[in-house]
Structure formats: structure tokens, C-alpha cells
Amino acid sequence: RDFETNTMVWQVRTAESEKGFARIRARTLHKVVEEPLFGADIVMTI
């Protein structure tokens, strides 16, 4: 949250924030099956 590196800005973006701002977004939801279809617990993108 509100993190800045040398030349970049990284920040949480909520649904109400302006589009295009740097962000890290996380969405979680309990699984509805015992085993995930593709084996993954986490999908991480940049």
C-alpha cells in the first residue's frame, strides 16, 4: 500500500479508484470443490 520504488509507483487499487493507477489487487474465494481443476492455489500476474 502506497509503496514506491526508485522510478515506479505501486499501490492498492479498489473498485472505486481511478483507472490506470498502479496497483496490486488481490481477490480470494473459498474453493467449491475439493481439488482445483488446474491444480493452482494462486494465479499471480504482473
All heavy atoms as atom14 arrays in JSON, in Angstrom:
{
  "sequence": "RDFETNTMVWQVRTAESEKGFARIRARTLHKVVEEPLFGADIVMTI",
  "atom14_mask": [
    [1, 1, 1, 1, 1, 1, 1, 1, 1, 1, 1, 0, 0, 0],
    [1, 1, 1, 1, 1, 1, 1, 1, 0, 0, 0, 0, 0, 0],
    [1, 1, 1, 1, 1, 1, 1, 1, 1, 1, 1, 0, 0, 0],
    [1, 1, 1, 1, 1, 1, 1, 1, 1, 0, 0, 0, 0, 0],
    [1, 1, 1, 1, 1, 1, 1, 0, 0, 0, 0, 0, 0, 0],
    [1, 1, 1, 1, 1, 1, 1, 1, 0, 0, 0, 0, 0, 0],
    [1, 1, 1, 1, 1, 1, 1, 0, 0, 0, 0, 0, 0, 0],
    [1, 1, 1, 1, 1, 1, 1, 1, 0, 0, 0, 0, 0, 0],
    [1, 1, 1, 1, 1, 1, 1, 0, 0, 0, 0, 0, 0, 0],
    [1, 1, 1, 1, 1, 1, 1, 1, 1, 1, 1, 1, 1, 1],
    [1, 1, 1, 1, 1, 1, 1, 1, 1, 0, 0, 0, 0, 0],
    [1, 1, 1, 1, 1, 1, 1, 0, 0, 0, 0, 0, 0, 0],
    [1, 1, 1, 1, 1, 1, 1, 1, 1, 1, 1, 0, 0, 0],
    [1, 1, 1, 1, 1, 1, 1, 0, 0, 0, 0, 0, 0, 0],
    [1, 1, 1, 1, 1, 0, 0, 0, 0, 0, 0, 0, 0, 0],
    [1, 1, 1, 1, 1, 1, 1, 1, 1, 0, 0, 0, 0, 0],
    [1, 1, 1, 1, 1, 1, 0, 0, 0, 0, 0, 0, 0, 0],
    [1, 1, 1, 1, 1, 1, 1, 1, 1, 0, 0, 0, 0, 0],
    [1, 1, 1, 1, 1, 1, 1, 1, 1, 0, 0, 0, 0, 0],
    [1, 1, 1, 1, 0, 0, 0, 0, 0, 0, 0, 0, 0, 0],
    [1, 1, 1, 1, 1, 1, 1, 1, 1, 1, 1, 0, 0, 0],
    [1, 1, 1, 1, 1, 0, 0, 0, 0, 0, 0, 0, 0, 0],
    [1, 1, 1, 1, 1, 1, 1, 1, 1, 1, 1, 0, 0, 0],
    [1, 1, 1, 1, 1, 1, 1, 1, 0, 0, 0, 0, 0, 0],
    [1, 1, 1, 1, 1, 1, 1, 1, 1, 1, 1, 0, 0, 0],
    [1, 1, 1, 1, 1, 0, 0, 0, 0, 0, 0, 0, 0, 0],
    [1, 1, 1, 1, 1, 1, 1, 1, 1, 1, 1, 0, 0, 0],
    [1, 1, 1, 1, 1, 1, 1, 0, 0, 0, 0, 0, 0, 0],
    [1, 1, 1, 1, 1, 1, 1, 1, 0, 0, 0, 0, 0, 0],
    [1, 1, 1, 1, 1, 1, 1, 1, 1, 1, 0, 0, 0, 0],
    [1, 1, 1, 1, 1, 1, 1, 1, 1, 0, 0, 0, 0, 0],
    [1, 1, 1, 1, 1, 1, 1, 0, 0, 0, 0, 0, 0, 0],
    [1, 1, 1, 1, 1, 1, 1, 0, 0, 0, 0, 0, 0, 0],
    [1, 1, 1, 1, 1, 1, 1, 1, 1, 0, 0, 0, 0, 0],
    [1, 1, 1, 1, 1, 1, 1, 1, 1, 0, 0, 0, 0, 0],
    [1, 1, 1, 1, 1, 1, 1, 0, 0, 0, 0, 0, 0, 0],
    [1, 1, 1, 1, 1, 1, 1, 1, 0, 0, 0, 0, 0, 0],
    [1, 1, 1, 1, 1, 1, 1, 1, 1, 1, 1, 0, 0, 0],
    [1, 1, 1, 1, 0, 0, 0, 0, 0, 0, 0, 0, 0, 0],
    [1, 1, 1, 1, 1, 0, 0, 0, 0, 0, 0, 0, 0, 0],
    [1, 1, 1, 1, 1, 1, 1, 1, 0, 0, 0, 0, 0, 0],
    [1, 1, 1, 1, 1, 1, 1, 1, 0, 0, 0, 0, 0, 0],
    [1, 1, 1, 1, 1, 1, 1, 0, 0, 0, 0, 0, 0, 0],
    [1, 1, 1, 1, 1, 1, 1, 1, 0, 0, 0, 0, 0, 0],
    [1, 1, 1, 1, 1, 1, 1, 0, 0, 0, 0, 0, 0, 0],
    [1, 1, 1, 1, 1, 1, 1, 1, 0, 0, 0, 0, 0, 0]
  ],
  "atom14_positions": [
    [[0.84, -1.19, 0.0], [0.0, 0.0, 0.0], [0.88, 1.25, 0.0], [1.77, 1.4, 0.84], [-0.92, 0.0, 1.22], [-1.98, 1.09, 1.19], [-2.83, 1.04, 2.44], [-3.53, -0.24, 2.56], [-4.7, -0.5, 1.98], [-5.29, 0.43, 1.24], [-5.28, -1.67, 2.15], [0.0, 0.0, 0.0], [0.0, 0.0, 0.0], [0.0, 0.0, 0.0]],
    [[0.65, 2.14, -0.97], [1.41, 3.39, -1.1], [2.92, 3.15, -1.22], [3.73, 3.95, -0.75], [1.15, 4.32, 0.1], [-0.31, 4.72, 0.19], [-0.91, 4.99, -0.86], [-0.83, 4.78, 1.32], [0.0, 0.0, 0.0], [0.0, 0.0, 0.0], [0.0, 0.0, 0.0], [0.0, 0.0, 0.0], [0.0, 0.0, 0.0], [0.0, 0.0, 0.0]],
    [[3.31, 2.07, -1.86], [4.74, 1.74, -1.97], [5.35, 2.33, -3.23], [4.78, 2.23, -4.31], [4.9, 0.22, -1.98], [6.33, -0.25, -2.11], [7.29, 0.13, -1.18], [6.71, -1.07, -3.16], [8.6, -0.29, -1.3], [8.02, -1.5, -3.28], [8.97, -1.11, -2.35], [0.0, 0.0, 0.0], [0.0, 0.0, 0.0], [0.0, 0.0, 0.0]],
    [[6.52, 2.94, -3.1], [7.25, 3.5, -4.23], [8.64, 2.9, -4.28], [9.31, 2.76, -3.26], [7.36, 5.03, -4.11], [6.03, 5.76, -4.18], [6.21, 7.27, -4.16], [7.38, 7.73, -4.11], [5.19, 7.98, -4.19], [0.0, 0.0, 0.0], [0.0, 0.0, 0.0], [0.0, 0.0, 0.0], [0.0, 0.0, 0.0], [0.0, 0.0, 0.0]],
    [[9.06, 2.54, -5.5], [10.44, 2.12, -5.71], [11.19, 3.26, -6.38], [10.71, 4.39, -6.41], [10.48, 0.83, -6.56], [9.76, 1.05, -7.78], [9.85, -0.33, -5.81], [0.0, 0.0, 0.0], [0.0, 0.0, 0.0], [0.0, 0.0, 0.0], [0.0, 0.0, 0.0], [0.0, 0.0, 0.0], [0.0, 0.0, 0.0], [0.0, 0.0, 0.0]],
    [[12.35, 2.99, -6.92], [13.2, 4.06, -7.44], [12.49, 4.94, -8.47], [12.52, 6.17, -8.38], [14.46, 3.45, -8.05], [15.44, 4.51, -8.51], [15.75, 5.45, -7.79], [15.97, 4.34, -9.72], [0.0, 0.0, 0.0], [0.0, 0.0, 0.0], [0.0, 0.0, 0.0], [0.0, 0.0, 0.0], [0.0, 0.0, 0.0], [0.0, 0.0, 0.0]],
    [[11.86, 4.31, -9.46], [11.2, 5.1, -10.52], [9.73, 4.75, -10.7], [9.07, 5.34, -11.55], [11.92, 4.88, -11.87], [11.74, 3.51, -12.29], [13.4, 5.19, -11.77], [0.0, 0.0, 0.0], [0.0, 0.0, 0.0], [0.0, 0.0, 0.0], [0.0, 0.0, 0.0], [0.0, 0.0, 0.0], [0.0, 0.0, 0.0], [0.0, 0.0, 0.0]],
    [[9.22, 3.79, -9.91], [7.87, 3.29, -10.11], [6.99, 3.53, -8.88], [7.5, 3.68, -7.77], [7.88, 1.79, -10.42], [8.69, 1.41, -11.65], [7.84, 1.82, -13.19], [6.51, 0.62, -13.16], [0.0, 0.0, 0.0], [0.0, 0.0, 0.0], [0.0, 0.0, 0.0], [0.0, 0.0, 0.0], [0.0, 0.0, 0.0], [0.0, 0.0, 0.0]],
    [[5.69, 3.5, -9.11], [4.7, 3.61, -8.05], [3.88, 2.33, -8.02], [3.43, 1.86, -9.06], [3.76, 4.82, -8.28], [2.75, 4.92, -7.14], [4.54, 6.1, -8.41], [0.0, 0.0, 0.0], [0.0, 0.0, 0.0], [0.0, 0.0, 0.0], [0.0, 0.0, 0.0], [0.0, 0.0, 0.0], [0.0, 0.0, 0.0], [0.0, 0.0, 0.0]],
    [[3.67, 1.77, -6.8], [2.9, 0.54, -6.63], [1.88, 0.8, -5.52], [2.26, 1.24, -4.44], [3.8, -0.62, -6.25], [5.02, -0.76, -7.11], [6.22, -0.14, -6.92], [5.15, -1.53, -8.3], [7.1, -0.49, -7.91], [6.47, -1.34, -8.78], [4.29, -2.37, -9.01], [6.93, -1.96, -9.94], [4.75, -2.98, -10.15], [6.06, -2.78, -10.6]],
    [[0.63, 0.56, -5.79], [-0.38, 0.87, -4.79], [-1.62, 0.01, -4.97], [-1.9, -0.47, -6.06], [-0.77, 2.35, -4.89], [-1.61, 2.85, -3.74], [-1.84, 4.34, -3.81], [-1.75, 4.93, -4.88], [-2.13, 4.95, -2.68], [0.0, 0.0, 0.0], [0.0, 0.0, 0.0], [0.0, 0.0, 0.0], [0.0, 0.0, 0.0], [0.0, 0.0, 0.0]],
    [[-2.33, -0.21, -3.89], [-3.59, -0.94, -3.95], [-4.61, -0.12, -4.72], [-4.71, 1.09, -4.53], [-4.12, -1.22, -2.53], [-5.52, -1.82, -2.59], [-3.18, -2.13, -1.79], [0.0, 0.0, 0.0], [0.0, 0.0, 0.0], [0.0, 0.0, 0.0], [0.0, 0.0, 0.0], [0.0, 0.0, 0.0], [0.0, 0.0, 0.0], [0.0, 0.0, 0.0]],
    [[-5.35, -0.76, -5.59], [-6.44, -0.09, -6.28], [-7.74, -0.79, -5.97], [-7.84, -2.01, -6.11], [-6.24, -0.08, -7.8], [-7.29, 0.77, -8.5], [-7.14, 0.76, -9.99], [-7.96, -0.3, -10.58], [-8.29, -0.31, -11.87], [-7.84, 0.61, -12.68], [-9.04, -1.28, -12.33], [0.0, 0.0, 0.0], [0.0, 0.0, 0.0], [0.0, 0.0, 0.0]],
    [[-8.7, -0.06, -5.49], [-10.02, -0.62, -5.22], [-10.91, -0.37, -6.42], [-10.52, 0.31, -7.38], [-10.64, 0.03, -3.97], [-10.87, 1.41, -4.24], [-9.71, -0.11, -2.77], [0.0, 0.0, 0.0], [0.0, 0.0, 0.0], [0.0, 0.0, 0.0], [0.0, 0.0, 0.0], [0.0, 0.0, 0.0], [0.0, 0.0, 0.0], [0.0, 0.0, 0.0]],
    [[-12.12, -0.87, -6.37], [-13.06, -0.71, -7.49], [-13.42, 0.75, -7.7], [-13.83, 1.14, -8.78], [-14.32, -1.54, -7.25], [0.0, 0.0, 0.0], [0.0, 0.0, 0.0], [0.0, 0.0, 0.0], [0.0, 0.0, 0.0], [0.0, 0.0, 0.0], [0.0, 0.0, 0.0], [0.0, 0.0, 0.0], [0.0, 0.0, 0.0], [0.0, 0.0, 0.0]],
    [[-13.29, 1.56, -6.64], [-13.69, 2.96, -6.74], [-12.56, 3.87, -7.22], [-12.78, 5.04, -7.51], [-14.18, 3.49, -5.39], [-15.48, 2.86, -4.91], [-15.26, 1.47, -4.36], [-14.13, 1.17, -3.93], [-16.23, 0.68, -4.38], [0.0, 0.0, 0.0], [0.0, 0.0, 0.0], [0.0, 0.0, 0.0], [0.0, 0.0, 0.0], [0.0, 0.0, 0.0]],
    [[-11.32, 3.35, -7.31], [-10.2, 4.21, -7.68], [-10.2, 4.52, -9.16], [-10.86, 3.85, -9.96], [-8.88, 3.52, -7.32], [-8.81, 3.32, -5.93], [0.0, 0.0, 0.0], [0.0, 0.0, 0.0], [0.0, 0.0, 0.0], [0.0, 0.0, 0.0], [0.0, 0.0, 0.0], [0.0, 0.0, 0.0], [0.0, 0.0, 0.0], [0.0, 0.0, 0.0]],
    [[-9.45, 5.54, -9.55], [-9.34, 5.92, -10.95], [-8.65, 4.82, -11.74], [-7.76, 4.14, -11.25], [-8.56, 7.22, -11.1], [-9.26, 8.43, -10.51], [-8.47, 9.7, -10.72], [-7.43, 9.62, -11.4], [-8.89, 10.75, -10.22], [0.0, 0.0, 0.0], [0.0, 0.0, 0.0], [0.0, 0.0, 0.0], [0.0, 0.0, 0.0], [0.0, 0.0, 0.0]],
    [[-9.04, 4.66, -12.99], [-8.42, 3.66, -13.84], [-6.98, 4.05, -14.16], [-6.64, 5.22, -14.23], [-9.19, 3.52, -15.15], [-10.57, 2.89, -14.99], [-11.22, 2.71, -16.33], [-12.58, 2.04, -16.19], [-13.21, 1.85, -17.51], [0.0, 0.0, 0.0], [0.0, 0.0, 0.0], [0.0, 0.0, 0.0], [0.0, 0.0, 0.0], [0.0, 0.0, 0.0]],
    [[-6.16, 3.02, -14.35], [-4.81, 3.26, -14.83], [-3.78, 3.5, -13.76], [-2.6, 3.58, -14.05], [0.0, 0.0, 0.0], [0.0, 0.0, 0.0], [0.0, 0.0, 0.0], [0.0, 0.0, 0.0], [0.0, 0.0, 0.0], [0.0, 0.0, 0.0], [0.0, 0.0, 0.0], [0.0, 0.0, 0.0], [0.0, 0.0, 0.0], [0.0, 0.0, 0.0]],
    [[-4.21, 3.63, -12.48], [-3.21, 3.87, -11.44], [-2.54, 2.57, -11.07], [-3.13, 1.5, -11.16], [-3.88, 4.48, -10.21], [-2.91, 5.12, -9.26], [-2.35, 6.35, -9.56], [-2.53, 4.48, -8.11], [-1.45, 6.93, -8.7], [-1.62, 5.07, -7.24], [-1.08, 6.29, -7.54], [0.0, 0.0, 0.0], [0.0, 0.0, 0.0], [0.0, 0.0, 0.0]],
    [[-1.28, 2.64, -10.68], [-0.55, 1.43, -10.32], [-1.24, 0.76, -9.14], [-1.77, 1.42, -8.27], [0.88, 1.79, -9.95], [0.0, 0.0, 0.0], [0.0, 0.0, 0.0], [0.0, 0.0, 0.0], [0.0, 0.0, 0.0], [0.0, 0.0, 0.0], [0.0, 0.0, 0.0], [0.0, 0.0, 0.0], [0.0, 0.0, 0.0], [0.0, 0.0, 0.0]],
    [[-1.22, -0.54, -9.11], [-1.94, -1.22, -8.05], [-1.46, -2.63, -7.84], [-0.81, -3.22, -8.68], [-3.44, -1.25, -8.34], [-3.86, -2.16, -9.51], [-3.75, -1.46, -10.83], [-4.33, -2.22, -11.91], [-4.13, -1.92, -13.18], [-3.41, -0.89, -13.52], [-4.67, -2.66, -14.13], [0.0, 0.0, 0.0], [0.0, 0.0, 0.0], [0.0, 0.0, 0.0]],
    [[-1.8, -3.17, -6.71], [-1.76, -4.61, -6.52], [-3.16, -4.99, -6.09], [-3.72, -4.38, -5.2], [-0.73, -5.06, -5.47], [-0.92, -6.54, -5.17], [-0.82, -4.28, -4.19], [0.16, -7.13, -4.31], [0.0, 0.0, 0.0], [0.0, 0.0, 0.0], [0.0, 0.0, 0.0], [0.0, 0.0, 0.0], [0.0, 0.0, 0.0], [0.0, 0.0, 0.0]],
    [[-3.75, -5.94, -6.79], [-5.1, -6.33, -6.48], [-5.1, -7.78, -6.05], [-4.42, -8.62, -6.61], [-6.01, -6.16, -7.71], [-6.14, -4.72, -8.15], [-7.34, -4.58, -9.06], [-7.18, -5.33, -10.29], [-7.01, -4.76, -11.49], [-6.93, -3.47, -11.59], [-6.92, -5.5, -12.57], [0.0, 0.0, 0.0], [0.0, 0.0, 0.0], [0.0, 0.0, 0.0]],
    [[-5.89, -8.1, -5.08], [-5.98, -9.47, -4.61], [-7.44, -9.83, -4.41], [-8.21, -9.08, -3.82], [-5.22, -9.65, -3.3], [0.0, 0.0, 0.0], [0.0, 0.0, 0.0], [0.0, 0.0, 0.0], [0.0, 0.0, 0.0], [0.0, 0.0, 0.0], [0.0, 0.0, 0.0], [0.0, 0.0, 0.0], [0.0, 0.0, 0.0], [0.0, 0.0, 0.0]],
    [[-7.85, -10.97, -4.93], [-9.22, -11.44, -4.81], [-9.18, -12.88, -4.33], [-8.48, -13.72, -4.89], [-9.93, -11.38, -6.17], [-9.89, -10.02, -6.82], [-10.93, -9.09, -6.26], [-12.24, -9.49, -6.74], [-13.38, -9.01, -6.25], [-13.36, -8.16, -5.28], [-14.54, -9.4, -6.74], [0.0, 0.0, 0.0], [0.0, 0.0, 0.0], [0.0, 0.0, 0.0]],
    [[-9.89, -13.2, -3.28], [-9.89, -14.56, -2.77], [-11.31, -15.08, -2.65], [-12.25, -14.33, -2.42], [-9.2, -14.66, -1.39], [-9.98, -13.89, -0.45], [-7.8, -14.1, -1.44], [0.0, 0.0, 0.0], [0.0, 0.0, 0.0], [0.0, 0.0, 0.0], [0.0, 0.0, 0.0], [0.0, 0.0, 0.0], [0.0, 0.0, 0.0], [0.0, 0.0, 0.0]],
    [[-11.44, -16.38, -2.76], [-12.74, -17.0, -2.6], [-12.5, -18.47, -2.29], [-11.64, -19.11, -2.9], [-13.57, -16.88, -3.89], [-15.04, -17.3, -3.8], [-15.81, -16.35, -2.89], [-15.67, -17.31, -5.19], [0.0, 0.0, 0.0], [0.0, 0.0, 0.0], [0.0, 0.0, 0.0], [0.0, 0.0, 0.0], [0.0, 0.0, 0.0], [0.0, 0.0, 0.0]],
    [[-13.24, -18.99, -1.33], [-13.05, -20.4, -0.98], [-13.43, -21.29, -2.16], [-14.39, -21.03, -2.87], [-13.9, -20.78, 0.24], [-13.41, -20.15, 1.5], [-12.15, -20.37, 2.0], [-14.02, -19.28, 2.34], [-12.0, -19.68, 3.11], [-13.12, -19.02, 3.35], [0.0, 0.0, 0.0], [0.0, 0.0, 0.0], [0.0, 0.0, 0.0], [0.0, 0.0, 0.0]],
    [[-12.7, -22.37, -2.32], [-12.97, -23.3, -3.4], [-14.28, -24.03, -3.16], [-14.68, -24.25, -2.03], [-11.83, -24.32, -3.52], [-10.5, -23.69, -3.87], [-9.41, -24.74, -3.79], [-8.05, -24.13, -4.02], [-6.97, -25.08, -3.8], [0.0, 0.0, 0.0], [0.0, 0.0, 0.0], [0.0, 0.0, 0.0], [0.0, 0.0, 0.0], [0.0, 0.0, 0.0]],
    [[-14.93, -24.41, -4.24], [-16.19, -25.11, -4.11], [-16.03, -26.59, -4.41], [-16.98, -27.35, -4.34], [-17.24, -24.51, -5.08], [-17.56, -23.1, -4.68], [-16.76, -24.56, -6.52], [0.0, 0.0, 0.0], [0.0, 0.0, 0.0], [0.0, 0.0, 0.0], [0.0, 0.0, 0.0], [0.0, 0.0, 0.0], [0.0, 0.0, 0.0], [0.0, 0.0, 0.0]],
    [[-14.81, -27.0, -4.75], [-14.52, -28.41, -4.96], [-13.3, -28.77, -4.15], [-12.52, -27.91, -3.75], [-14.25, -28.73, -6.45], [-15.51, -28.5, -7.27], [-13.13, -27.87, -7.0], [0.0, 0.0, 0.0], [0.0, 0.0, 0.0], [0.0, 0.0, 0.0], [0.0, 0.0, 0.0], [0.0, 0.0, 0.0], [0.0, 0.0, 0.0], [0.0, 0.0, 0.0]],
    [[-13.12, -30.06, -3.88], [-12.01, -30.48, -3.03], [-10.67, -30.23, -3.71], [-9.72, -29.8, -3.08], [-12.14, -31.97, -2.7], [-11.07, -32.47, -1.75], [-11.3, -33.9, -1.34], [-12.34, -34.46, -1.7], [-10.41, -34.46, -0.67], [0.0, 0.0, 0.0], [0.0, 0.0, 0.0], [0.0, 0.0, 0.0], [0.0, 0.0, 0.0], [0.0, 0.0, 0.0]],
    [[-10.58, -30.52, -5.02], [-9.34, -30.3, -5.75], [-9.59, -29.29, -6.86], [-10.57, -29.4, -7.59], [-8.82, -31.6, -6.38], [-8.19, -32.54, -5.39], [-7.51, -33.69, -6.1], [-7.15, -33.53, -7.29], [-7.32, -34.74, -5.49], [0.0, 0.0, 0.0], [0.0, 0.0, 0.0], [0.0, 0.0, 0.0], [0.0, 0.0, 0.0], [0.0, 0.0, 0.0]],
    [[-8.68, -28.32, -7.04], [-8.85, -27.35, -8.12], [-8.67, -28.04, -9.47], [-7.88, -28.97, -9.61], [-7.75, -26.32, -7.87], [-6.72, -27.07, -7.09], [-7.47, -28.05, -6.25], [0.0, 0.0, 0.0], [0.0, 0.0, 0.0], [0.0, 0.0, 0.0], [0.0, 0.0, 0.0], [0.0, 0.0, 0.0], [0.0, 0.0, 0.0], [0.0, 0.0, 0.0]],
    [[-9.4, -27.55, -10.46], [-9.38, -28.18, -11.77], [-7.99, -28.19, -12.39], [-7.58, -29.14, -13.02], [-10.37, -27.44, -12.7], [-10.53, -28.02, -14.11], [-11.04, -29.45, -14.03], [-11.49, -27.15, -14.91], [0.0, 0.0, 0.0], [0.0, 0.0, 0.0], [0.0, 0.0, 0.0], [0.0, 0.0, 0.0], [0.0, 0.0, 0.0], [0.0, 0.0, 0.0]],
    [[-7.24, -27.09, -12.22], [-5.92, -26.99, -12.83], [-4.8, -27.03, -11.79], [-3.67, -26.69, -12.1], [-5.82, -25.71, -13.66], [-6.68, -25.75, -14.9], [-7.87, -25.06, -14.94], [-6.31, -26.51, -15.99], [-8.67, -25.1, -16.07], [-7.1, -26.56, -17.13], [-8.29, -25.86, -17.17], [0.0, 0.0, 0.0], [0.0, 0.0, 0.0], [0.0, 0.0, 0.0]],
    [[-5.09, -27.41, -10.57], [-4.05, -27.63, -9.58], [-3.54, -26.4, -8.86], [-2.84, -26.53, -7.88], [0.0, 0.0, 0.0], [0.0, 0.0, 0.0], [0.0, 0.0, 0.0], [0.0, 0.0, 0.0], [0.0, 0.0, 0.0], [0.0, 0.0, 0.0], [0.0, 0.0, 0.0], [0.0, 0.0, 0.0], [0.0, 0.0, 0.0], [0.0, 0.0, 0.0]],
    [[-3.87, -25.2, -9.31], [-3.27, -23.99, -8.75], [-4.04, -23.46, -7.55], [-5.27, -23.46, -7.55], [-3.17, -22.9, -9.82], [0.0, 0.0, 0.0], [0.0, 0.0, 0.0], [0.0, 0.0, 0.0], [0.0, 0.0, 0.0], [0.0, 0.0, 0.0], [0.0, 0.0, 0.0], [0.0, 0.0, 0.0], [0.0, 0.0, 0.0], [0.0, 0.0, 0.0]],
    [[-3.32, -23.04, -6.54], [-3.91, -22.28, -5.44], [-3.9, -20.8, -5.76], [-4.8, -20.06, -5.39], [-3.1, -22.49, -4.15], [-3.56, -23.71, -3.38], [-4.73, -24.08, -3.5], [-2.74, -24.27, -2.64], [0.0, 0.0, 0.0], [0.0, 0.0, 0.0], [0.0, 0.0, 0.0], [0.0, 0.0, 0.0], [0.0, 0.0, 0.0], [0.0, 0.0, 0.0]],
    [[-2.83, -20.36, -6.44], [-2.61, -18.94, -6.66], [-2.32, -18.68, -8.13], [-1.52, -19.37, -8.76], [-1.4, -18.44, -5.82], [-1.65, -18.69, -4.34], [-1.13, -16.97, -6.09], [-0.4, -18.49, -3.48], [0.0, 0.0, 0.0], [0.0, 0.0, 0.0], [0.0, 0.0, 0.0], [0.0, 0.0, 0.0], [0.0, 0.0, 0.0], [0.0, 0.0, 0.0]],
    [[-2.99, -17.69, -8.69], [-2.65, -17.15, -10.0], [-2.06, -15.77, -9.74], [-2.73, -14.91, -9.18], [-3.87, -17.01, -10.92], [-3.44, -16.53, -12.3], [-4.64, -18.32, -11.02], [0.0, 0.0, 0.0], [0.0, 0.0, 0.0], [0.0, 0.0, 0.0], [0.0, 0.0, 0.0], [0.0, 0.0, 0.0], [0.0, 0.0, 0.0], [0.0, 0.0, 0.0]],
    [[-0.82, -15.55, -10.11], [-0.19, -14.26, -9.86], [0.21, -13.63, -11.18], [0.86, -14.27, -12.01], [1.04, -14.41, -8.97], [1.61, -13.08, -8.5], [2.77, -13.28, -7.12], [2.98, -11.57, -6.62], [0.0, 0.0, 0.0], [0.0, 0.0, 0.0], [0.0, 0.0, 0.0], [0.0, 0.0, 0.0], [0.0, 0.0, 0.0], [0.0, 0.0, 0.0]],
    [[-0.2, -12.39, -11.4], [0.14, -11.68, -12.62], [0.81, -10.37, -12.29], [0.7, -9.84, -11.18], [-1.12, -11.39, -13.48], [-1.96, -10.46, -12.78], [-1.88, -12.67, -13.76], [0.0, 0.0, 0.0], [0.0, 0.0, 0.0], [0.0, 0.0, 0.0], [0.0, 0.0, 0.0], [0.0, 0.0, 0.0], [0.0, 0.0, 0.0], [0.0, 0.0, 0.0]],
    [[1.53, -9.85, -13.26], [2.16, -8.55, -13.11], [1.87, -7.72, -14.35], [1.87, -8.25, -15.47], [3.69, -8.67, -12.88], [4.28, -7.31, -12.5], [4.4, -9.28, -14.07], [5.72, -7.4, -11.96], [0.0, 0.0, 0.0], [0.0, 0.0, 0.0], [0.0, 0.0, 0.0], [0.0, 0.0, 0.0], [0.0, 0.0, 0.0], [0.0, 0.0, 0.0]]
  ]
}
